[in-house]
Amino acid sequence: MSASREKKQRQGAGPSEKALLAQQQQAARKRKTITYTAVGVVIAGLVAALLIWNSGFFQARATAATVGDASLSTAELGYYYHVARNRFNSTMSMFGGSGLDNSKSDAEQMYNQEENKSYRDYFLESALTTVQQELALSAEAKKNGHTEAEVKEDVDAQIKAFKNQAAAYGYSYSAFLRANYGSYMNGGLFEKVLTRNLLAQIAESEKSKELSGGYSTDDLEAYYKEDDHADTYDTFEYSYLYFTPETVETKDKDGNDIDEEKVKTLKEQALADAKAQADEALKALKDGDKLADVAKKYDLKDSSIADHTTNVGTSGISSAIKEDLLKLKEGEYKLVENGESGYYVITFHGRERVDEATKTVRHILVTADYTTGEDGKYVAPTDEAWAAAKEKMDAIVAEFEGGDKSEDSFAKLANEKSADSDGTDGGLYEDVAQNEFVSEFNDWMFDDARKPGDTGVVQHSAAEGASSGYYGYHFIYLVGDGEVKWARDVRSALTEQDLKAWKEELGKGFQTALAGGADYLGN
């Protein structure tokens, strides 16, 4: 083969060096473009992922706990977490406390220093306990034939009330949910937990009624006589005088500290003087002087209640005197030391089982509109508001009087017309004891002239300066006498005891465990 032919074959076999270089440069540019494009896609993906992450999308859906066969997301467990948290803050506020420090995480604030338990730990434990019970109880309700459709109307009513509350505070519904139940909460989940809660209430209520109705008179008597149970249900009548030492000043008139030893000596003398008076009073009482006269002689601050004090159950008796009081025989006196605070002189008049009958009633409530001042105190209804409430009540009474005047017709009206939360049960209140209702209601119920089937209307006003309560009219139907008080209270105690044991047993089938999503709560 000639050189020229060989050259032509080589030329025909592939690109020239110049063409090859051009191809390589083009390929390099193409690879660079692909690389930049790929990097751009990755960066865009990271930005999108970051935005989604910051929105809480992934955190809300992470598994935070398992309860039985159910997996709870962070959002779902977060609802129960914030219920526990809100309850704690509300309780602290009620008793004048400041609640949690919102500038710190719950994990940074200690609930129990000795156990090294933070408030986050405490709220998570509470959340798991609550959801365990609700899952177990709602499953029981479904097993007994109840359905979610059955509680749909009540769920919708609660959601509507929540939306109205949100609007009143200037929030959107979704923002109000997050403000109350955490940043992962949403409307769909809120409806789910409300449905579960209402089903759980059905199961618990049915079991409670079953247990309560199953105790015989012998069961009640046996429980009453066991241990010291009678001390909880009996009425105790006793008298006491309390002698306290005079206050000893620790600073002189110029504001300077008085010598500690001198102050100590003065306090000891003041306490000794109080004991001397208590000893004198004890002797006078044993000699037959009247307790009221002795109280007046020493100008005691508690003399207005010194004649006698009645308590139902020993929990109402001061712990300083309770043990000694219960050891006294009727008419005996004793001096009881209360540390450096003073001395009691006590006497025991007697105890008895509370055998007074309770009352069972139905009632319909019509409230009168009122306003709230800037101080949070109620402003009583205007005359027009009272008149409007009275007109509404008169119409309800007229409707009842125009019918067969039976308990059933009253119950039907209560379900339809009552503003009271118990209206759906026909306005029924069973086994009400003396002084457990507002005075107007109480006095009507326990009037000796009252008989089953009687009806009446009473007007009630909230206490002056109140920030809770209501104004309105009660239309009352007396069903009749209920169980005597001690038996009612024992039945309630037995029911509570056995219901608790039943729920604990039910919960054993719903074992709990935290998962990774719980890390997004309280940290």
Protein backbone atom coordinates (compact mmCIF):
# COMPACT_ATOMS: atom_id res chain seq x y z
CA MET A 1 0.00 0.00 0.00
CA SER A 2 1.30 3.36 -1.04
CA ALA A 3 1.93 6.05 1.47
CA SER A 4 -0.71 8.29 -0.09
CA ARG A 5 -3.34 5.51 0.04
CA GLU A 6 -2.48 4.68 3.61
CA LYS A 7 -2.89 8.36 4.49
CA LYS A 8 -6.31 8.43 2.84
CA GLN A 9 -7.40 5.33 4.78
CA ARG A 10 -6.29 6.91 8.03
CA GLN A 11 -8.17 10.06 7.16
CA GLY A 12 -11.28 8.08 6.44
CA ALA A 13 -10.98 6.06 9.66
CA GLY A 14 -11.51 8.90 12.19
CA PRO A 15 -11.55 12.64 12.90
CA SER A 16 -8.57 14.78 12.37
CA GLU A 17 -6.57 15.98 15.32
CA LYS A 18 -8.17 19.41 14.95
CA ALA A 19 -11.65 17.88 14.86
CA LEU A 20 -10.83 15.65 17.84
CA LEU A 21 -9.67 18.65 19.87
CA ALA A 22 -12.86 20.47 19.01
CA GLN A 23 -14.92 17.45 20.15
CA GLN A 24 -13.02 17.23 23.41
CA GLN A 25 -13.55 20.92 24.12
CA GLN A 26 -17.26 20.61 23.32
CA ALA A 27 -17.58 17.53 25.57
CA ALA A 28 -15.82 19.37 28.36
CA ARG A 29 -18.22 22.30 28.02
CA LYS A 30 -21.14 19.88 28.01
CA ARG A 31 -19.88 18.08 31.13
CA LYS A 32 -19.42 21.44 32.84
CA THR A 33 -22.96 22.47 31.94
CA ILE A 34 -24.35 19.18 33.21
CA THR A 35 -22.31 19.51 36.41
CA TYR A 36 -23.50 23.07 37.05
CA THR A 37 -27.06 22.07 36.28
CA ALA A 38 -26.87 19.11 38.66
CA VAL A 39 -25.35 21.26 41.41
CA GLY A 40 -28.09 23.82 40.84
CA VAL A 41 -30.77 21.15 41.16
CA VAL A 42 -29.19 19.86 44.39
CA ILE A 43 -29.01 23.40 45.87
CA ALA A 44 -32.62 24.10 44.89
CA GLY A 45 -33.62 20.78 46.48
CA LEU A 46 -31.78 21.62 49.68
CA VAL A 47 -33.46 25.03 49.88
CA ALA A 48 -36.88 23.44 49.33
CA ALA A 49 -36.13 20.75 51.92
CA LEU A 50 -34.98 23.40 54.37
CA LEU A 51 -38.17 25.39 53.84
CA ILE A 52 -40.29 22.27 54.31
CA TRP A 53 -38.28 21.31 57.40
CA ASN A 54 -38.69 24.76 58.91
CA SER A 55 -42.43 24.52 58.27
CA GLY A 56 -42.54 21.52 60.60
CA PHE A 57 -43.90 19.23 57.86
CA PHE A 58 -41.54 16.34 58.59
CA GLN A 59 -41.37 16.86 62.36
CA ALA A 60 -45.16 16.88 62.71
CA ARG A 61 -45.42 13.54 60.91
CA ALA A 62 -42.54 11.79 62.66
CA THR A 63 -43.50 8.95 64.99
CA ALA A 64 -43.31 10.28 68.55
CA ALA A 65 -44.81 7.34 70.45
CA THR A 66 -46.40 3.94 70.11
CA VAL A 67 -49.45 3.08 72.20
CA GLY A 68 -50.54 -0.50 71.74
CA ASP A 69 -50.75 -1.05 67.98
CA ALA A 70 -51.13 2.68 67.27
CA SER A 71 -48.35 5.03 66.21
CA LEU A 72 -48.70 8.65 67.28
CA SER A 73 -47.14 11.45 65.31
CA THR A 74 -45.35 14.35 66.96
CA ALA A 75 -48.42 16.50 66.31
CA GLU A 76 -50.77 13.99 67.94
CA LEU A 77 -48.64 13.38 71.03
CA GLY A 78 -48.03 17.14 71.09
CA TYR A 79 -51.76 17.72 71.63
CA TYR A 80 -51.70 15.68 74.85
CA TYR A 81 -48.36 17.21 75.84
CA HIS A 82 -49.82 20.71 75.62
CA VAL A 83 -53.02 19.69 77.39
CA ALA A 84 -50.84 18.64 80.36
CA ARG A 85 -48.75 21.80 80.06
CA ASN A 86 -51.79 24.09 79.88
CA ARG A 87 -53.37 22.37 82.86
CA PHE A 88 -50.21 22.89 84.90
CA ASN A 89 -50.01 26.60 84.05
CA SER A 90 -53.71 27.05 84.76
CA THR A 91 -53.38 25.39 88.17
CA MET A 92 -50.36 27.50 89.05
CA SER A 93 -52.23 30.65 88.05
CA MET A 94 -55.24 29.62 90.14
CA PHE A 95 -53.06 29.41 93.24
CA GLY A 96 -51.15 32.60 92.52
CA GLY A 97 -48.08 30.98 90.94
CA SER A 98 -46.28 32.15 87.81
CA GLY A 99 -46.22 28.88 85.88
CA LEU A 100 -43.42 27.96 83.49
CA ASP A 101 -40.73 30.35 82.27
CA ASN A 102 -41.44 30.68 78.54
CA SER A 103 -37.97 32.09 77.90
CA LYS A 104 -36.62 28.60 78.63
CA SER A 105 -37.49 25.21 77.20
CA ASP A 106 -39.45 22.77 79.33
CA ALA A 107 -36.38 20.51 79.31
CA GLU A 108 -34.35 23.23 81.03
CA GLN A 109 -36.80 23.59 83.93
CA MET A 110 -36.78 21.02 86.70
CA TYR A 111 -39.96 19.39 87.94
CA ASN A 112 -38.23 17.15 90.48
CA GLN A 113 -34.61 17.97 91.29
CA GLU A 114 -34.01 14.79 93.29
CA GLU A 115 -35.17 12.54 90.45
CA ASN A 116 -33.53 14.78 87.82
CA LYS A 117 -36.92 15.04 86.10
CA SER A 118 -37.63 18.08 83.96
CA TYR A 119 -41.05 19.51 83.15
CA ARG A 120 -40.64 18.04 79.67
CA ASP A 121 -40.30 14.59 81.24
CA TYR A 122 -43.35 15.23 83.41
CA PHE A 123 -45.54 16.47 80.55
CA LEU A 124 -44.50 13.57 78.31
CA GLU A 125 -45.40 11.09 81.05
CA SER A 126 -48.77 12.79 81.54
CA ALA A 127 -49.38 12.83 77.77
CA LEU A 128 -48.65 9.11 77.43
CA THR A 129 -50.89 8.24 80.38
CA THR A 130 -53.77 10.28 78.99
CA VAL A 131 -53.57 9.00 75.43
CA GLN A 132 -53.18 5.42 76.69
CA GLN A 133 -56.46 5.77 78.61
CA GLU A 134 -58.27 7.47 75.74
CA LEU A 135 -57.20 4.86 73.21
CA ALA A 136 -58.19 2.03 75.54
CA LEU A 137 -61.54 3.59 76.43
CA SER A 138 -62.44 4.64 72.88
CA ALA A 139 -61.64 1.09 71.71
CA GLU A 140 -63.94 -0.22 74.45
CA ALA A 141 -66.70 2.14 73.31
CA LYS A 142 -66.39 0.87 69.73
CA LYS A 143 -66.39 -2.72 70.98
CA ASN A 144 -69.67 -1.93 72.72
CA GLY A 145 -71.22 -0.71 69.48
CA HIS A 146 -70.60 3.04 69.62
CA THR A 147 -69.39 4.84 66.50
CA GLU A 148 -67.65 8.06 65.53
CA ALA A 149 -70.82 9.13 63.74
CA GLU A 150 -72.60 8.98 67.09
CA VAL A 151 -70.46 11.81 68.53
CA LYS A 152 -70.09 13.84 65.31
CA GLU A 153 -72.68 16.43 66.37
CA ASP A 154 -70.91 17.03 69.69
CA VAL A 155 -67.53 17.22 67.97
CA ASP A 156 -68.86 19.80 65.52
CA ALA A 157 -70.34 21.81 68.40
CA GLN A 158 -67.01 21.84 70.23
CA ILE A 159 -65.14 22.88 67.09
CA LYS A 160 -67.66 25.67 66.50
CA ALA A 161 -67.23 26.88 70.09
CA PHE A 162 -63.45 26.79 69.66
CA LYS A 163 -63.67 28.81 66.46
CA ASN A 164 -65.87 31.38 68.18
CA GLN A 165 -63.36 31.60 71.01
CA ALA A 166 -60.54 32.07 68.51
CA ALA A 167 -62.42 34.90 66.81
CA ALA A 168 -63.12 36.56 70.16
CA TYR A 169 -59.36 36.66 70.82
CA GLY A 170 -58.57 37.90 67.30
CA TYR A 171 -57.02 34.62 66.09
CA SER A 172 -57.66 32.52 63.03
CA TYR A 173 -58.86 29.02 63.87
CA SER A 174 -55.58 27.37 62.82
CA ALA A 175 -53.46 29.91 64.70
CA PHE A 176 -55.57 29.45 67.82
CA LEU A 177 -55.12 25.68 67.62
CA ARG A 178 -51.36 26.09 67.40
CA ALA A 179 -51.32 28.61 70.25
CA ASN A 180 -53.13 26.16 72.52
CA TYR A 181 -51.83 22.77 71.39
CA GLY A 182 -48.44 23.37 69.83
CA SER A 183 -47.06 24.44 66.46
CA TYR A 184 -47.81 21.07 64.80
CA MET A 185 -51.55 21.04 65.54
CA ASN A 186 -54.10 21.29 62.71
CA GLY A 187 -57.88 21.16 62.31
CA GLY A 188 -58.08 17.58 61.06
CA LEU A 189 -56.05 16.25 63.97
CA PHE A 190 -58.05 18.33 66.44
CA GLU A 191 -61.26 16.73 65.19
CA LYS A 192 -59.66 13.29 65.53
CA VAL A 193 -58.64 13.74 69.17
CA LEU A 194 -62.00 15.31 70.09
CA THR A 195 -63.79 12.30 68.58
CA ARG A 196 -61.55 9.91 70.50
CA ASN A 197 -62.10 11.83 73.73
CA LEU A 198 -65.90 11.77 73.43
CA LEU A 199 -65.96 8.05 72.68
CA ALA A 200 -63.71 7.48 75.69
CA GLN A 201 -66.14 9.47 77.84
CA ILE A 202 -69.01 7.25 76.72
CA ALA A 203 -67.18 4.07 77.71
CA GLU A 204 -66.13 5.51 81.07
CA SER A 205 -69.62 6.83 81.82
CA GLU A 206 -71.26 3.50 81.00
CA LYS A 207 -68.84 1.57 83.19
CA SER A 208 -69.25 4.08 86.01
CA LYS A 209 -73.04 3.69 85.96
CA GLU A 210 -72.72 -0.08 85.83
CA LEU A 211 -70.41 -0.14 88.83
CA SER A 212 -72.39 2.42 90.83
CA GLY A 213 -75.65 0.54 90.42
CA GLY A 214 -74.08 -2.78 91.39
CA TYR A 215 -73.32 -2.10 95.06
CA SER A 216 -75.76 -3.53 97.60
CA THR A 217 -76.57 -1.99 100.99
CA ASP A 218 -74.31 -4.64 102.56
CA ASP A 219 -71.45 -3.56 100.26
CA LEU A 220 -71.89 0.05 101.39
CA GLU A 221 -72.01 -0.88 105.07
CA ALA A 222 -68.92 -3.09 104.77
CA TYR A 223 -66.89 -0.32 103.12
CA TYR A 224 -68.09 2.23 105.68
CA LYS A 225 -66.90 0.04 108.56
CA GLU A 226 -63.54 -0.87 107.00
CA ASP A 227 -60.38 0.76 108.29
CA ASP A 228 -61.04 4.42 109.13
CA HIS A 229 -63.51 5.06 106.32
CA ALA A 230 -66.19 6.21 108.73
CA ASP A 231 -63.94 9.16 109.67
CA THR A 232 -64.42 10.43 106.12
CA TYR A 233 -68.21 10.29 106.10
CA ASP A 234 -69.28 11.09 109.67
CA THR A 235 -70.15 14.52 111.01
CA PHE A 236 -67.93 15.69 113.88
CA GLU A 237 -69.03 18.35 116.35
CA TYR A 238 -66.41 19.89 118.60
CA SER A 239 -65.28 23.15 120.17
CA TYR A 240 -61.89 24.77 120.52
CA LEU A 241 -60.14 27.85 121.84
CA TYR A 242 -56.80 28.89 120.41
CA PHE A 243 -54.28 30.82 122.51
CA THR A 244 -51.49 32.41 120.50
CA PRO A 245 -48.42 34.27 121.84
CA GLU A 246 -48.21 38.04 121.55
CA THR A 247 -46.12 39.24 118.59
CA VAL A 248 -42.54 40.09 119.53
CA GLU A 249 -40.90 42.95 117.66
CA THR A 250 -37.45 42.25 116.21
CA LYS A 251 -36.61 45.92 115.56
CA ASP A 252 -36.72 48.94 117.87
CA LYS A 253 -38.60 52.17 117.12
CA ASP A 254 -35.63 53.47 115.14
CA GLY A 255 -35.60 50.40 112.89
CA ASN A 256 -32.53 48.83 114.42
CA ASP A 257 -32.30 45.08 115.03
CA ILE A 258 -32.96 44.03 118.61
CA ASP A 259 -30.45 41.63 120.15
CA GLU A 260 -31.27 38.06 119.03
CA GLU A 261 -31.01 36.60 122.54
CA LYS A 262 -33.38 39.24 123.86
CA VAL A 263 -35.88 38.51 121.08
CA LYS A 264 -35.61 34.79 121.80
CA THR A 265 -36.27 35.35 125.49
CA LEU A 266 -39.28 37.58 124.74
CA LYS A 267 -40.76 34.98 122.37
CA GLU A 268 -40.33 32.23 124.93
CA GLN A 269 -42.07 34.39 127.52
CA ALA A 270 -44.92 35.21 125.12
CA LEU A 271 -45.43 31.50 124.40
CA ALA A 272 -45.34 30.73 128.12
CA ASP A 273 -48.00 33.41 128.73
CA ALA A 274 -50.21 31.85 126.05
CA LYS A 275 -49.84 28.44 127.72
CA ALA A 276 -50.71 29.94 131.11
CA GLN A 277 -53.92 31.35 129.67
CA ALA A 278 -54.71 28.02 127.99
CA ASP A 279 -54.16 26.20 131.31
CA GLU A 280 -56.47 28.65 133.09
CA ALA A 281 -59.13 28.25 130.42
CA LEU A 282 -58.88 24.46 130.55
CA LYS A 283 -59.40 24.49 134.32
CA ALA A 284 -62.37 26.88 134.03
CA LEU A 285 -64.03 24.68 131.44
CA LYS A 286 -63.50 21.55 133.52
CA ASP A 287 -65.03 23.42 136.44
CA GLY A 288 -68.19 24.04 134.41
CA ASP A 289 -67.73 27.49 132.84
CA LYS A 290 -69.31 27.99 129.42
CA LEU A 291 -66.89 27.93 126.52
CA ALA A 292 -68.30 31.13 124.99
CA ASP A 293 -67.77 32.98 128.29
CA VAL A 294 -64.18 31.76 128.51
CA ALA A 295 -63.53 32.84 124.91
CA LYS A 296 -64.95 36.28 125.66
CA LYS A 297 -62.80 36.63 128.79
CA TYR A 298 -59.59 36.19 126.80
CA ASP A 299 -60.83 38.19 123.80
CA LEU A 300 -59.85 35.41 121.41
CA LYS A 301 -59.90 36.16 117.68
CA ASP A 302 -61.78 32.95 116.97
CA SER A 303 -64.38 33.45 119.69
CA SER A 304 -67.14 33.87 117.09
CA ILE A 305 -66.81 30.19 116.15
CA ALA A 306 -65.65 28.86 119.48
CA ASP A 307 -69.05 27.61 120.67
CA HIS A 308 -68.87 24.65 118.33
CA THR A 309 -67.63 23.69 114.91
CA THR A 310 -69.16 21.01 112.70
CA ASN A 311 -67.20 19.22 110.00
CA VAL A 312 -68.18 16.39 107.71
CA GLY A 313 -65.17 14.11 107.58
CA THR A 314 -61.88 14.52 109.39
CA SER A 315 -60.31 16.27 106.40
CA GLY A 316 -62.11 19.41 107.57
CA ILE A 317 -60.51 19.29 111.00
CA SER A 318 -57.17 21.01 111.58
CA SER A 319 -54.32 18.51 111.49
CA ALA A 320 -52.97 20.15 114.65
CA ILE A 321 -55.87 18.79 116.74
CA LYS A 322 -57.40 15.97 114.69
CA GLU A 323 -55.56 13.03 116.26
CA ASP A 324 -56.15 14.24 119.84
CA LEU A 325 -59.76 15.19 119.15
CA LEU A 326 -60.72 11.73 117.92
CA LYS A 327 -59.33 10.15 121.09
CA LEU A 328 -61.53 12.25 123.38
CA LYS A 329 -64.77 11.01 124.87
CA GLU A 330 -67.86 13.18 124.63
CA GLY A 331 -67.53 16.18 126.97
CA GLU A 332 -63.80 15.71 127.66
CA TYR A 333 -61.35 18.63 127.38
CA LYS A 334 -57.70 18.63 126.45
CA LEU A 335 -54.85 21.13 125.89
CA VAL A 336 -52.96 20.57 122.63
CA GLU A 337 -49.63 22.23 121.84
CA ASN A 338 -49.16 23.56 118.30
CA GLY A 339 -45.41 24.13 118.25
CA GLU A 340 -44.39 27.75 118.69
CA SER A 341 -47.70 28.93 117.21
CA GLY A 342 -49.77 28.49 120.36
CA TYR A 343 -52.07 26.16 122.31
CA TYR A 344 -55.51 24.72 121.60
CA VAL A 345 -58.06 23.84 124.23
CA ILE A 346 -60.39 21.32 122.61
CA THR A 347 -63.52 19.42 123.55
CA PHE A 348 -65.40 16.72 121.68
CA HIS A 349 -69.21 16.84 121.52
CA GLY A 350 -69.85 13.79 119.37
CA ARG A 351 -70.02 12.25 115.91
CA GLU A 352 -72.73 10.67 113.85
CA ARG A 353 -73.31 9.15 110.45
CA VAL A 354 -74.95 11.57 108.02
CA ASP A 355 -78.33 9.94 107.43
CA GLU A 356 -80.12 12.94 105.91
CA ALA A 357 -81.78 12.25 102.58
CA THR A 358 -80.48 13.84 99.41
CA LYS A 359 -82.75 15.21 96.68
CA THR A 360 -83.05 14.31 93.01
CA VAL A 361 -84.23 17.10 90.71
CA ARG A 362 -84.44 18.15 87.10
CA HIS A 363 -83.94 21.73 86.11
CA ILE A 364 -83.84 24.19 83.24
CA LEU A 365 -81.50 27.17 83.33
CA VAL A 366 -82.07 30.44 81.51
CA THR A 367 -79.13 32.84 81.88
CA ALA A 368 -79.28 36.63 81.86
CA ASP A 369 -76.71 38.39 79.71
CA TYR A 370 -74.02 40.30 81.60
CA THR A 371 -70.73 42.02 80.84
CA THR A 372 -67.24 41.93 82.32
CA GLY A 373 -65.36 45.03 83.48
CA GLU A 374 -61.72 45.86 82.77
CA ASP A 375 -60.81 44.32 86.14
CA GLY A 376 -62.26 40.98 85.00
CA LYS A 377 -65.16 41.26 87.44
CA TYR A 378 -68.76 40.69 86.42
CA VAL A 379 -71.05 43.62 85.73
CA ALA A 380 -74.57 42.55 86.69
CA PRO A 381 -77.23 42.24 83.97
CA THR A 382 -79.23 45.32 83.14
CA ASP A 383 -82.96 45.45 83.95
CA GLU A 384 -83.58 44.78 80.26
CA ALA A 385 -81.35 41.68 80.33
CA TRP A 386 -83.15 40.35 83.38
CA ALA A 387 -86.51 41.04 81.76
CA ALA A 388 -85.48 39.21 78.58
CA ALA A 389 -84.36 36.17 80.61
CA LYS A 390 -87.59 36.22 82.62
CA GLU A 391 -89.68 36.41 79.45
CA LYS A 392 -87.86 33.38 78.06
CA MET A 393 -88.31 31.47 81.30
CA ASP A 394 -92.03 32.35 81.47
CA ALA A 395 -92.48 30.92 77.98
CA ILE A 396 -90.79 27.64 79.02
CA VAL A 397 -92.94 27.39 82.15
CA ALA A 398 -96.09 28.07 80.12
CA GLU A 399 -95.12 25.34 77.64
CA PHE A 400 -94.64 22.86 80.48
CA GLU A 401 -97.89 23.86 82.21
CA GLY A 402 -99.74 23.49 78.92
CA GLY A 403 -98.64 19.86 78.59
CA ASP A 404 -99.07 16.79 80.78
CA LYS A 405 -96.75 18.22 83.49
CA SER A 406 -94.85 14.93 83.72
CA GLU A 407 -91.20 14.37 84.52
CA ASP A 408 -90.65 13.10 80.98
CA SER A 409 -92.06 16.26 79.42
CA PHE A 410 -89.89 18.36 81.75
CA ALA A 411 -86.81 16.35 80.75
CA LYS A 412 -87.65 16.89 77.07
CA LEU A 413 -87.92 20.63 77.61
CA ALA A 414 -84.60 20.62 79.50
CA ASN A 415 -82.87 18.95 76.57
CA GLU A 416 -84.29 21.55 74.20
CA LYS A 417 -84.21 24.75 76.26
CA SER A 418 -81.70 24.61 79.12
CA ALA A 419 -78.51 26.67 78.98
CA ASP A 420 -76.99 24.27 81.51
CA SER A 421 -74.37 21.82 80.29
CA ASP A 422 -76.37 18.94 81.76
CA GLY A 423 -79.37 19.76 79.60
CA THR A 424 -78.74 16.77 77.34
CA ASP A 425 -79.49 14.48 80.28
CA GLY A 426 -82.87 16.06 80.80
CA GLY A 427 -81.48 18.52 83.35
CA LEU A 428 -81.09 15.69 85.85
CA TYR A 429 -79.22 16.08 89.13
CA GLU A 430 -79.29 13.01 91.34
CA ASP A 431 -78.65 12.71 95.08
CA VAL A 432 -77.93 16.35 95.86
CA ALA A 433 -77.06 16.98 99.52
CA GLN A 434 -77.67 20.07 101.61
CA ASN A 435 -75.65 23.17 100.64
CA GLU A 436 -74.15 21.66 97.50
CA PHE A 437 -76.09 24.02 95.22
CA VAL A 438 -76.49 27.79 95.29
CA SER A 439 -78.59 28.96 98.23
CA GLU A 440 -81.73 29.85 96.23
CA PHE A 441 -81.77 26.42 94.58
CA ASN A 442 -80.87 24.66 97.82
CA ASP A 443 -83.57 26.36 99.89
CA TRP A 444 -86.28 25.51 97.35
CA MET A 445 -85.21 21.85 97.14
CA PHE A 446 -85.00 21.25 100.88
CA ASP A 447 -88.14 23.10 101.88
CA ASP A 448 -90.05 20.67 104.14
CA ALA A 449 -93.28 21.49 102.32
CA ARG A 450 -91.88 20.33 98.99
CA LYS A 451 -93.19 17.04 97.51
CA PRO A 452 -92.33 14.98 94.41
CA GLY A 453 -93.70 16.55 91.23
CA ASP A 454 -93.54 20.11 92.57
CA THR A 455 -92.06 22.76 90.30
CA GLY A 456 -90.78 26.24 90.95
CA VAL A 457 -88.66 29.07 89.56
CA VAL A 458 -85.84 30.74 91.51
CA GLN A 459 -83.58 33.60 90.53
CA HIS A 460 -79.83 33.47 91.09
CA SER A 461 -77.18 36.19 90.94
CA ALA A 462 -73.42 35.70 90.92
CA ALA A 463 -71.63 36.91 94.03
CA GLU A 464 -70.75 40.59 94.12
CA GLY A 465 -67.34 41.19 92.57
CA ALA A 466 -67.25 37.67 91.13
CA SER A 467 -65.20 36.68 88.10
CA SER A 468 -66.89 33.28 87.73
CA GLY A 469 -70.46 32.08 88.03
CA TYR A 470 -73.64 33.21 86.30
CA TYR A 471 -76.89 35.15 86.55
CA GLY A 472 -80.22 33.60 85.66
CA TYR A 473 -83.39 31.70 86.46
CA HIS A 474 -83.78 28.04 87.45
CA PHE A 475 -86.96 26.15 86.65
CA ILE A 476 -86.90 23.15 89.01
CA TYR A 477 -88.83 19.87 89.05
CA LEU A 478 -88.51 17.82 92.26
CA VAL A 479 -88.23 14.14 91.42
CA GLY A 480 -88.00 13.08 95.07
CA ASP A 481 -85.65 11.94 97.81
CA GLY A 482 -82.37 10.38 96.85
CA GLU A 483 -79.99 8.11 98.76
CA VAL A 484 -78.94 9.20 102.24
CA LYS A 485 -75.74 11.21 102.16
CA TRP A 486 -73.30 8.76 103.75
CA ALA A 487 -74.45 5.95 101.44
CA ARG A 488 -74.23 8.22 98.40
CA ASP A 489 -70.69 9.22 99.30
CA VAL A 490 -69.60 5.63 99.97
CA ARG A 491 -71.16 4.50 96.68
CA SER A 492 -69.22 7.26 94.92
CA ALA A 493 -65.95 6.23 96.61
CA LEU A 494 -66.43 2.57 95.70
CA THR A 495 -67.27 3.50 92.11
CA GLU A 496 -64.19 5.70 91.80
CA GLN A 497 -61.97 3.00 93.31
CA ASP A 498 -63.26 0.21 91.07
CA LEU A 499 -63.42 2.40 87.96
CA LYS A 500 -59.77 3.31 88.41
CA ALA A 501 -58.82 -0.37 88.71
CA TRP A 502 -60.88 -1.21 85.61
CA LYS A 503 -59.20 1.52 83.54
CA GLU A 504 -55.75 0.42 84.67
CA GLU A 505 -56.52 -3.15 83.61
CA LEU A 506 -57.91 -1.93 80.30
CA GLY A 507 -54.76 0.11 79.70
CA LYS A 508 -52.49 -2.93 80.03
CA GLY A 509 -53.36 -3.85 76.46
CA PHE A 510 -52.01 -0.49 75.28
CA GLN A 511 -48.37 -0.41 76.29
CA THR A 512 -46.61 2.89 75.64
CA ALA A 513 -43.15 3.82 74.36
CA LEU A 514 -41.62 7.08 73.17
CA ALA A 515 -40.05 7.35 69.73
CA GLY A 516 -37.77 9.82 67.97
CA GLY A 517 -40.50 12.34 67.12
CA ALA A 518 -40.89 13.09 70.83
CA ASP A 519 -37.57 14.95 70.63
CA TYR A 520 -39.42 17.80 68.92
CA LEU A 521 -41.55 18.42 72.02
CA GLY A 522 -40.39 20.56 74.92
CA ASN A 523 -36.73 20.86 73.95
